[in-house]
Amino acid sequence: MNVAKRRGVRKAIVALARRLAVHMHRIWSDGTEFRWAKDPLVQPFL
């Protein structure tokens, strides 16, 4: 919402699309699987 307030809705949509494209490209290039939800059994190691 910050981009939409500062630059406008159209630029915010493009920024979101670019962000999603970068994430999708990283997943495809790494070959990792997308997790739909966080696994409740796995806890972060502190």
N, C-alpha and C. Protein backbone atom coordinates (compact mmCIF):
# COMPACT_ATOMS: atom_id res chain seq x y z
N MET A 1 0.81 -1.20 0.00
CA MET A 1 0.00 0.00 0.00
C MET A 1 0.86 1.26 0.00
N ASN A 2 2.08 1.17 0.49
CA ASN A 2 2.92 2.37 0.52
C ASN A 2 3.24 2.86 -0.88
N VAL A 3 3.51 1.93 -1.79
CA VAL A 3 3.81 2.33 -3.16
C VAL A 3 2.58 2.96 -3.79
N ALA A 4 1.41 2.40 -3.52
CA ALA A 4 0.18 2.95 -4.09
C ALA A 4 -0.07 4.37 -3.58
N LYS A 5 0.25 4.61 -2.33
CA LYS A 5 0.05 5.96 -1.78
C LYS A 5 1.04 6.95 -2.37
N ARG A 6 2.29 6.50 -2.55
CA ARG A 6 3.33 7.42 -3.01
C ARG A 6 3.34 7.59 -4.53
N ARG A 7 3.20 6.48 -5.27
CA ARG A 7 3.42 6.52 -6.72
C ARG A 7 2.16 6.31 -7.55
N GLY A 8 1.15 5.70 -6.96
CA GLY A 8 -0.07 5.44 -7.71
C GLY A 8 -0.36 3.95 -7.79
N VAL A 9 -1.60 3.65 -8.10
CA VAL A 9 -2.06 2.27 -8.09
C VAL A 9 -1.42 1.47 -9.23
N ARG A 10 -1.30 2.07 -10.39
CA ARG A 10 -0.72 1.33 -11.54
C ARG A 10 0.72 0.91 -11.26
N LYS A 11 1.51 1.78 -10.71
CA LYS A 11 2.90 1.44 -10.41
C LYS A 11 2.97 0.41 -9.29
N ALA A 12 2.03 0.46 -8.36
CA ALA A 12 1.99 -0.54 -7.30
C ALA A 12 1.68 -1.92 -7.87
N ILE A 13 0.80 -1.99 -8.85
CA ILE A 13 0.47 -3.27 -9.48
C ILE A 13 1.69 -3.83 -10.21
N VAL A 14 2.40 -2.97 -10.93
CA VAL A 14 3.60 -3.41 -11.65
C VAL A 14 4.67 -3.86 -10.67
N ALA A 15 4.82 -3.15 -9.56
CA ALA A 15 5.81 -3.53 -8.56
C ALA A 15 5.49 -4.90 -7.97
N LEU A 16 4.22 -5.14 -7.70
CA LEU A 16 3.81 -6.44 -7.16
C LEU A 16 4.04 -7.55 -8.18
N ALA A 17 3.72 -7.28 -9.44
CA ALA A 17 3.93 -8.28 -10.49
C ALA A 17 5.41 -8.62 -10.63
N ARG A 18 6.27 -7.62 -10.57
CA ARG A 18 7.71 -7.87 -10.66
C ARG A 18 8.20 -8.67 -9.48
N ARG A 19 7.71 -8.35 -8.30
CA ARG A 19 8.11 -9.08 -7.10
C ARG A 19 7.71 -10.55 -7.20
N LEU A 20 6.49 -10.81 -7.65
CA LEU A 20 6.04 -12.19 -7.82
C LEU A 20 6.85 -12.91 -8.90
N ALA A 21 7.18 -12.20 -9.98
CA ALA A 21 7.97 -12.80 -11.05
C ALA A 21 9.35 -13.21 -10.56
N VAL A 22 9.95 -12.38 -9.73
CA VAL A 22 11.28 -12.70 -9.19
C VAL A 22 11.20 -13.95 -8.31
N HIS A 23 10.18 -14.03 -7.47
CA HIS A 23 10.04 -15.19 -6.59
C HIS A 23 9.79 -16.46 -7.42
N MET A 24 8.93 -16.36 -8.42
CA MET A 24 8.64 -17.52 -9.25
C MET A 24 9.88 -17.97 -10.02
N HIS A 25 10.65 -17.02 -10.53
CA HIS A 25 11.86 -17.37 -11.27
C HIS A 25 12.87 -18.06 -10.37
N ARG A 26 13.01 -17.58 -9.14
CA ARG A 26 13.93 -18.21 -8.18
C ARG A 26 13.51 -19.64 -7.88
N ILE A 27 12.21 -19.86 -7.70
CA ILE A 27 11.71 -21.21 -7.42
C ILE A 27 11.96 -22.12 -8.61
N TRP A 28 11.69 -21.64 -9.82
CA TRP A 28 11.88 -22.46 -11.01
C TRP A 28 13.35 -22.75 -11.26
N SER A 29 14.22 -21.77 -11.07
CA SER A 29 15.63 -21.98 -11.36
C SER A 29 16.30 -22.88 -10.31
N ASP A 30 15.86 -22.79 -9.06
CA ASP A 30 16.42 -23.63 -8.00
C ASP A 30 15.85 -25.05 -8.03
N GLY A 31 14.64 -25.18 -8.56
CA GLY A 31 13.99 -26.48 -8.56
C GLY A 31 13.35 -26.82 -7.23
N THR A 32 13.17 -25.81 -6.38
CA THR A 32 12.54 -26.06 -5.09
C THR A 32 11.03 -26.14 -5.24
N GLU A 33 10.40 -26.81 -4.28
CA GLU A 33 8.95 -26.93 -4.29
C GLU A 33 8.34 -25.81 -3.48
N PHE A 34 7.20 -25.33 -3.96
CA PHE A 34 6.49 -24.28 -3.25
C PHE A 34 5.69 -24.90 -2.11
N ARG A 35 5.80 -24.31 -0.93
CA ARG A 35 5.03 -24.76 0.23
C ARG A 35 3.79 -23.88 0.35
N TRP A 36 2.62 -24.49 0.32
CA TRP A 36 1.37 -23.74 0.40
C TRP A 36 1.18 -23.13 1.78
N ALA A 37 1.62 -23.83 2.80
CA ALA A 37 1.47 -23.34 4.17
C ALA A 37 2.71 -23.72 4.96
N LYS A 38 2.91 -23.03 6.04
CA LYS A 38 4.04 -23.37 6.90
C LYS A 38 3.76 -24.69 7.58
N ASP A 39 4.78 -25.51 7.66
CA ASP A 39 4.65 -26.79 8.32
C ASP A 39 4.65 -26.58 9.83
N PRO A 40 3.56 -26.91 10.52
CA PRO A 40 3.51 -26.65 11.96
C PRO A 40 4.45 -27.55 12.77
N LEU A 41 4.90 -28.66 12.18
CA LEU A 41 5.77 -29.56 12.92
C LEU A 41 7.22 -29.12 12.91
N VAL A 42 7.59 -28.32 11.93
CA VAL A 42 8.97 -27.86 11.83
C VAL A 42 9.09 -26.51 12.52
N GLN A 43 9.97 -26.44 13.52
CA GLN A 43 10.18 -25.20 14.24
C GLN A 43 11.57 -24.67 13.92
N PRO A 44 11.72 -23.36 13.87
CA PRO A 44 13.03 -22.81 13.56
C PRO A 44 14.04 -23.12 14.66
N PHE A 45 15.26 -23.36 14.25
CA PHE A 45 16.34 -23.65 15.19
C PHE A 45 16.91 -22.33 15.70
N LEU A 46 16.86 -22.14 16.99
CA LEU A 46 17.35 -20.88 17.56
C LEU A 46 18.70 -21.03 18.07
